[in-house]
């Protein structure tokens, strides 16, 4: 009669699942479905609800032709390596934001086209006809492209609000996108300046440089604040982290850099979370100082408590 030690018995039992697994026929691998991101993200801010939507992204080659144009290639490569960023390609996300105050539904920027933005809003439970106000932070095509089609407004029940300085500039710029998307709706547009109010708890702040009248908005409810800072910084490392690095899309590069430092210093000092139109989705984070620059800190559960 064969006797097993306790160690031998355990060894034999452990081997059974392995043998059974080896005898099982292989299963067919499922088809790959490609990369995917969530279509929307919603958090609360006091009595408000804030929803960001992932309204597409653009892939560009040669990132240093866009960011860090005034630094040498070695410095750009070093910063990129430190942050695990490839230097041959770049992904630029587009992130419109909806603020539900309980009395108004306010959409900040409209994406590249009407269909893409309204489709994602629908996934978030928001229909185009529910939007009370559309705020245009500035007039670049990726922010105004979804405003209208052939002169017909995408958000038929909404008033449109934008900065007076910004609108005045583009009115005289002979820009095709402005002329087709914004100009036909001029009679529906209201204008504001620095400190102007969109609604109770939603205040405009000048952040010129990226465009001549680029604006950000401070949202405040229940003693909490959030900044919608649009294109103040266009990348979470190459622009936010290094505010003096020139960005091709900035129309006045010196003014844009000064604005970045001012706004980022405010956010870091006051610990105000922000939403950036081109930040990694859901586009929301914090800023902390780091040396002569800043560091982007993505939100996790802070806005859900």
Protein backbone atom coordinates (compact mmCIF):
# COMPACT_ATOMS: atom_id res chain seq x y z
CA UNK A 1 0.00 0.00 0.00
CA UNK A 2 1.44 3.32 -1.13
CA UNK A 3 1.50 6.07 1.48
CA UNK A 4 1.58 9.77 0.57
CA UNK A 5 3.05 12.50 2.64
CA UNK A 6 0.96 15.66 3.12
CA UNK A 7 3.26 17.57 0.71
CA UNK A 8 2.87 14.88 -1.98
CA UNK A 9 -0.91 14.91 -1.61
CA UNK A 10 -1.12 18.69 -2.01
CA UNK A 11 1.18 18.49 -5.04
CA UNK A 12 -1.08 15.96 -6.71
CA UNK A 13 -4.25 18.00 -6.10
CA UNK A 14 -2.62 21.18 -7.43
CA UNK A 15 -1.68 19.41 -10.65
CA UNK A 16 -5.23 18.32 -11.51
CA UNK A 17 -6.56 21.72 -12.73
CA UNK A 18 -3.47 22.18 -14.87
CA UNK A 19 -3.94 18.79 -16.53
CA UNK A 20 -7.64 19.44 -17.10
CA UNK A 21 -6.85 22.82 -18.60
CA UNK A 22 -4.34 21.34 -20.99
CA UNK A 23 -6.94 18.83 -22.21
CA UNK A 24 -9.58 21.50 -22.95
CA UNK A 25 -9.85 22.45 -26.63
CA UNK A 26 -8.77 26.02 -27.52
CA UNK A 27 -11.51 28.63 -27.88
CA UNK A 28 -11.68 30.95 -30.87
CA UNK A 29 -10.38 34.43 -30.01
CA UNK A 30 -13.01 37.20 -30.19
CA UNK A 31 -12.63 39.90 -32.82
CA UNK A 32 -10.66 42.93 -31.67
CA UNK A 33 -12.80 46.02 -31.34
CA UNK A 34 -10.22 48.80 -31.16
CA UNK A 35 -9.43 51.40 -28.53
CA UNK A 36 -12.33 53.08 -26.74
CA UNK A 37 -12.94 55.83 -24.19
CA UNK A 38 -16.06 56.78 -22.20
CA UNK A 39 -18.37 59.12 -24.11
CA UNK A 40 -19.23 61.36 -21.14
CA UNK A 41 -18.39 62.05 -17.52
CA UNK A 42 -20.61 63.72 -14.92
CA UNK A 43 -19.79 65.17 -11.50
CA UNK A 44 -21.43 67.53 -9.04
CA UNK A 45 -20.28 70.98 -8.00
CA UNK A 46 -22.36 72.20 -5.10
CA UNK A 47 -25.90 72.28 -6.47
CA UNK A 48 -24.72 72.12 -10.10
CA UNK A 49 -24.06 69.13 -12.34
CA UNK A 50 -21.10 69.30 -14.71
CA UNK A 51 -20.87 66.95 -17.71
CA UNK A 52 -17.95 66.68 -20.09
CA UNK A 53 -18.29 64.86 -23.40
CA UNK A 54 -15.56 63.25 -25.50
CA UNK A 55 -16.42 64.92 -28.79
CA UNK A 56 -13.61 63.37 -30.81
CA UNK A 57 -9.87 63.74 -31.12
CA UNK A 58 -7.30 64.63 -33.77
CA UNK A 59 -4.02 62.82 -34.39
CA UNK A 60 -1.12 65.01 -35.47
CA UNK A 61 2.44 64.13 -36.43
CA UNK A 62 5.58 65.89 -35.23
CA UNK A 63 4.34 67.36 -31.91
CA UNK A 64 7.20 69.84 -31.70
CA UNK A 65 5.90 71.57 -34.79
CA UNK A 66 2.95 72.50 -32.53
CA UNK A 67 4.32 72.62 -28.96
CA UNK A 68 7.66 73.84 -27.66
CA UNK A 69 8.48 75.61 -30.89
CA UNK A 70 10.96 77.86 -29.09
CA UNK A 71 12.98 75.10 -27.35
CA UNK A 72 15.64 72.87 -28.81
CA UNK A 73 14.90 69.30 -29.84
CA UNK A 74 16.97 67.81 -27.02
CA UNK A 75 14.99 69.65 -24.33
CA UNK A 76 11.71 68.66 -25.93
CA UNK A 77 12.80 65.03 -26.13
CA UNK A 78 13.95 65.00 -22.51
CA UNK A 79 10.65 66.36 -21.19
CA UNK A 80 8.72 63.96 -23.39
CA UNK A 81 10.74 60.97 -22.18
CA UNK A 82 10.21 61.98 -18.55
CA UNK A 83 6.46 61.96 -19.15
CA UNK A 84 6.32 58.80 -21.32
CA UNK A 85 5.16 60.80 -24.34
CA UNK A 86 5.97 59.79 -27.92
CA UNK A 87 7.50 62.52 -30.04
CA UNK A 88 6.35 61.30 -33.43
CA UNK A 89 2.60 61.62 -32.91
CA UNK A 90 0.15 63.51 -30.75
CA UNK A 91 -3.53 63.02 -29.87
CA UNK A 92 -5.58 66.18 -29.26
CA UNK A 93 -8.98 65.56 -27.60
CA UNK A 94 -11.99 67.91 -27.86
CA UNK A 95 -14.12 68.27 -24.73
CA UNK A 96 -17.27 70.44 -24.66
CA UNK A 97 -18.81 70.92 -21.21
CA UNK A 98 -22.40 71.17 -20.01
CA UNK A 99 -23.28 72.88 -16.73
CA UNK A 100 -26.74 72.22 -15.33
CA UNK A 101 -27.48 74.90 -12.74
CA UNK A 102 -30.91 73.49 -11.95
CA UNK A 103 -32.45 76.44 -13.75
CA UNK A 104 -30.42 76.50 -16.96
CA UNK A 105 -28.53 74.05 -19.13
CA UNK A 106 -25.38 75.75 -20.43
CA UNK A 107 -23.14 74.25 -23.14
CA UNK A 108 -19.57 75.54 -23.35
CA UNK A 109 -18.26 75.17 -26.92
CA UNK A 110 -19.76 72.97 -29.61
CA UNK A 111 -17.08 70.64 -31.00
CA UNK A 112 -16.07 70.10 -34.60
CA UNK A 113 -19.52 69.43 -36.03
CA UNK A 114 -23.17 69.31 -34.95
CA UNK A 115 -23.74 65.56 -35.32
CA UNK A 116 -20.76 64.48 -33.27
CA UNK A 117 -21.57 66.74 -30.34
CA UNK A 118 -25.34 66.22 -30.25
CA UNK A 119 -24.91 62.46 -30.57
CA UNK A 120 -22.68 62.36 -27.51
CA UNK A 121 -24.93 64.72 -25.60
CA UNK A 122 -27.78 62.29 -26.29
CA UNK A 123 -25.72 59.48 -24.78
CA UNK A 124 -25.40 61.67 -21.68
CA UNK A 125 -29.18 62.13 -21.58
CA UNK A 126 -29.18 65.67 -23.01
CA UNK A 127 -31.05 66.65 -26.17
CA UNK A 128 -30.10 69.66 -28.28
CA UNK A 129 -33.45 71.35 -27.68
CA UNK A 130 -32.89 71.27 -23.92
CA UNK A 131 -29.83 73.53 -24.10
CA UNK A 132 -30.74 77.02 -22.86
CA UNK A 133 -27.39 78.74 -23.50
CA UNK A 134 -24.37 78.12 -25.70
CA UNK A 135 -21.18 79.84 -24.55
CA UNK A 136 -18.34 80.17 -27.06
CA UNK A 137 -15.01 80.59 -25.28
CA UNK A 138 -13.38 81.63 -28.55
CA UNK A 139 -13.84 81.23 -32.29
CA UNK A 140 -11.45 78.50 -33.40
CA UNK A 141 -13.10 75.91 -35.61
CA UNK A 142 -13.02 73.06 -33.10
CA UNK A 143 -15.10 75.20 -30.72
CA UNK A 144 -17.65 76.68 -33.15
CA UNK A 145 -17.94 73.89 -35.73
CA UNK A 146 -21.02 72.38 -34.10
CA UNK A 147 -22.92 75.65 -33.66
CA UNK A 148 -24.93 75.59 -36.89
CA UNK A 149 -25.48 74.00 -40.30
CA UNK A 150 -26.23 76.12 -43.37
CA UNK A 151 -27.30 78.97 -41.13
CA UNK A 152 -29.64 76.85 -38.99
CA UNK A 153 -28.73 76.71 -35.30
CA UNK A 154 -27.97 73.30 -33.82
CA UNK A 155 -29.40 74.40 -30.46
CA UNK A 156 -32.62 75.99 -31.63
CA UNK A 157 -33.86 77.08 -28.19
CA UNK A 158 -30.57 78.46 -26.92
CA UNK A 159 -29.22 81.96 -26.68
CA UNK A 160 -25.56 82.33 -27.64
CA UNK A 161 -23.05 84.18 -25.48
CA UNK A 162 -19.44 85.05 -26.30
CA UNK A 163 -16.81 87.67 -25.57
CA UNK A 164 -17.26 91.01 -27.30
CA UNK A 165 -13.54 91.37 -28.05
CA UNK A 166 -13.42 87.91 -29.62
CA UNK A 167 -16.47 88.43 -31.79
CA UNK A 168 -15.31 91.85 -32.95
CA UNK A 169 -11.98 90.40 -34.08
CA UNK A 170 -13.41 87.51 -36.07
CA UNK A 171 -16.11 89.70 -37.61
CA UNK A 172 -13.36 91.48 -39.50
CA UNK A 173 -11.07 88.51 -40.14
CA UNK A 174 -12.82 87.05 -43.21
CA UNK A 175 -12.62 83.56 -41.72
CA UNK A 176 -14.65 80.91 -43.55
CA UNK A 177 -15.61 78.91 -40.46
CA UNK A 178 -16.72 82.00 -38.54
CA UNK A 179 -18.60 83.29 -41.56
CA UNK A 180 -20.50 80.03 -42.02
CA UNK A 181 -21.03 78.94 -38.41
CA UNK A 182 -21.32 82.10 -36.32
CA UNK A 183 -22.13 85.09 -38.52
CA UNK A 184 -25.56 83.76 -39.66
CA UNK A 185 -26.63 83.69 -36.00
CA UNK A 186 -25.37 87.16 -35.05
CA UNK A 187 -28.88 88.33 -34.12
CA UNK A 188 -29.04 85.62 -31.45
CA UNK A 189 -25.69 86.45 -29.83
CA UNK A 190 -25.19 88.38 -26.60
CA UNK A 191 -21.78 89.74 -25.67
CA UNK A 192 -19.88 90.09 -22.42
CA UNK A 193 -16.52 91.31 -21.18
CA UNK A 194 -14.25 90.46 -18.27
CA UNK A 195 -16.38 89.85 -15.17
CA UNK A 196 -19.58 89.44 -17.14
CA UNK A 197 -22.20 86.96 -15.94
CA UNK A 198 -23.64 84.14 -18.06
CA UNK A 199 -25.96 83.04 -15.27
CA UNK A 200 -25.91 83.08 -11.49
CA UNK A 201 -22.67 81.36 -10.51
CA UNK A 202 -21.11 81.52 -14.00
CA UNK A 203 -18.66 84.40 -14.51
CA UNK A 204 -16.42 85.30 -17.45
CA UNK A 205 -12.70 86.06 -17.07
CA UNK A 206 -10.43 87.45 -19.77
CA UNK A 207 -7.65 85.07 -20.82
CA UNK A 208 -6.41 86.71 -24.00
CA UNK A 209 -3.52 85.46 -26.11
CA UNK A 210 -4.60 82.14 -27.55
CA UNK A 211 -7.01 84.30 -29.53
CA UNK A 212 -7.55 88.06 -29.20
CA UNK A 213 -10.60 87.65 -26.95
CA UNK A 214 -10.24 84.15 -25.49
CA UNK A 215 -12.29 83.80 -22.28
CA UNK A 216 -12.45 81.35 -19.40
CA UNK A 217 -15.37 80.90 -17.01
CA UNK A 218 -15.48 80.43 -13.24
CA UNK A 219 -18.32 78.21 -12.07
CA UNK A 220 -19.36 78.54 -8.42
CA UNK A 221 -22.04 76.71 -6.43
CA UNK A 222 -22.40 75.76 -2.79
CA UNK A 223 -19.05 77.29 -1.88
CA UNK A 224 -17.21 75.23 -4.51
CA UNK A 225 -15.49 76.48 -7.64
CA UNK A 226 -14.47 75.09 -11.02
CA UNK A 227 -12.73 76.83 -13.92
CA UNK A 228 -13.62 76.08 -17.53
CA UNK A 229 -10.37 77.25 -19.03
CA UNK A 230 -10.85 76.27 -22.66
CA UNK A 231 -7.52 76.56 -24.55
CA UNK A 232 -5.50 78.42 -21.94
CA UNK A 233 -3.18 75.41 -22.15
CA UNK A 234 -3.55 72.96 -25.04
CA UNK A 235 -1.56 70.04 -23.66
CA UNK A 236 -1.18 68.74 -20.12
CA UNK A 237 2.63 68.59 -20.32
CA UNK A 238 4.00 70.55 -23.29
CA UNK A 239 1.79 73.58 -22.60
CA UNK A 240 0.51 73.42 -19.02
CA UNK A 241 3.73 72.04 -17.58
CA UNK A 242 5.91 74.49 -19.48
CA UNK A 243 3.85 77.67 -19.90
CA UNK A 244 6.59 79.59 -21.72
CA UNK A 245 6.83 77.00 -24.50
CA UNK A 246 5.33 78.46 -27.64
CA UNK A 247 2.22 76.87 -29.14
CA UNK A 248 1.53 77.14 -32.84
CA UNK A 249 -2.19 77.71 -32.27
CA UNK A 250 -1.62 80.73 -30.00
CA UNK A 251 -2.21 83.85 -32.04
CA UNK A 252 -0.24 86.11 -29.67
CA UNK A 253 2.39 83.80 -28.20
CA UNK A 254 3.79 86.19 -25.61
CA UNK A 255 0.34 87.15 -24.33
CA UNK A 256 -0.73 83.48 -24.27
CA UNK A 257 2.30 82.52 -22.17
CA UNK A 258 1.63 85.37 -19.72
CA UNK A 259 -2.02 84.33 -19.48
CA UNK A 260 -1.04 80.71 -18.83
CA UNK A 261 1.17 81.72 -15.94
CA UNK A 262 -1.51 83.98 -14.47
CA UNK A 263 -4.35 81.47 -14.73
CA UNK A 264 -2.33 78.42 -13.69
CA UNK A 265 -0.91 80.28 -10.69
CA UNK A 266 -4.43 81.21 -9.63
CA UNK A 267 -5.67 77.63 -9.94
CA UNK A 268 -2.66 76.23 -8.09
CA UNK A 269 -2.80 78.80 -5.27
CA UNK A 270 -6.54 78.48 -4.71
CA UNK A 271 -6.64 74.71 -5.42
CA UNK A 272 -9.46 75.20 -7.93
CA UNK A 273 -10.18 72.25 -10.24
CA UNK A 274 -10.50 73.00 -13.92
CA UNK A 275 -11.71 71.59 -17.22
CA UNK A 276 -9.44 72.01 -20.22
CA UNK A 277 -10.82 71.52 -23.71
CA UNK A 278 -7.73 69.57 -24.76
CA UNK A 279 -6.82 67.83 -21.50
CA UNK A 280 -6.94 64.01 -21.28
CA UNK A 281 -10.56 62.91 -20.94
CA UNK A 282 -12.59 63.59 -18.81
CA UNK A 283 -10.66 66.84 -19.20
CA UNK A 284 -10.74 67.67 -15.51
CA UNK A 285 -7.87 68.11 -13.08
CA UNK A 286 -5.89 70.26 -10.70
CA UNK A 287 -2.70 72.26 -11.08
CA UNK A 288 0.28 72.32 -8.75
CA UNK A 289 3.47 74.35 -9.05
CA UNK A 290 6.63 72.47 -10.03
CA UNK A 291 9.88 74.37 -10.24
CA UNK A 292 9.39 77.22 -12.68
CA UNK A 293 6.36 75.54 -14.23
CA UNK A 294 3.36 73.46 -13.26
CA UNK A 295 2.09 69.90 -13.08
CA UNK A 296 -1.28 68.54 -14.15
CA UNK A 297 -3.00 66.34 -11.54
CA UNK A 298 -6.00 64.44 -13.00
CA UNK A 299 -9.13 64.12 -10.88
CA UNK A 300 -10.13 60.73 -9.55
CA UNK A 301 -12.93 60.66 -6.97
CA UNK A 302 -12.54 64.18 -5.51
CA UNK A 303 -15.52 65.62 -7.40
CA UNK A 304 -17.78 62.71 -6.41
CA UNK A 305 -17.65 63.16 -2.64
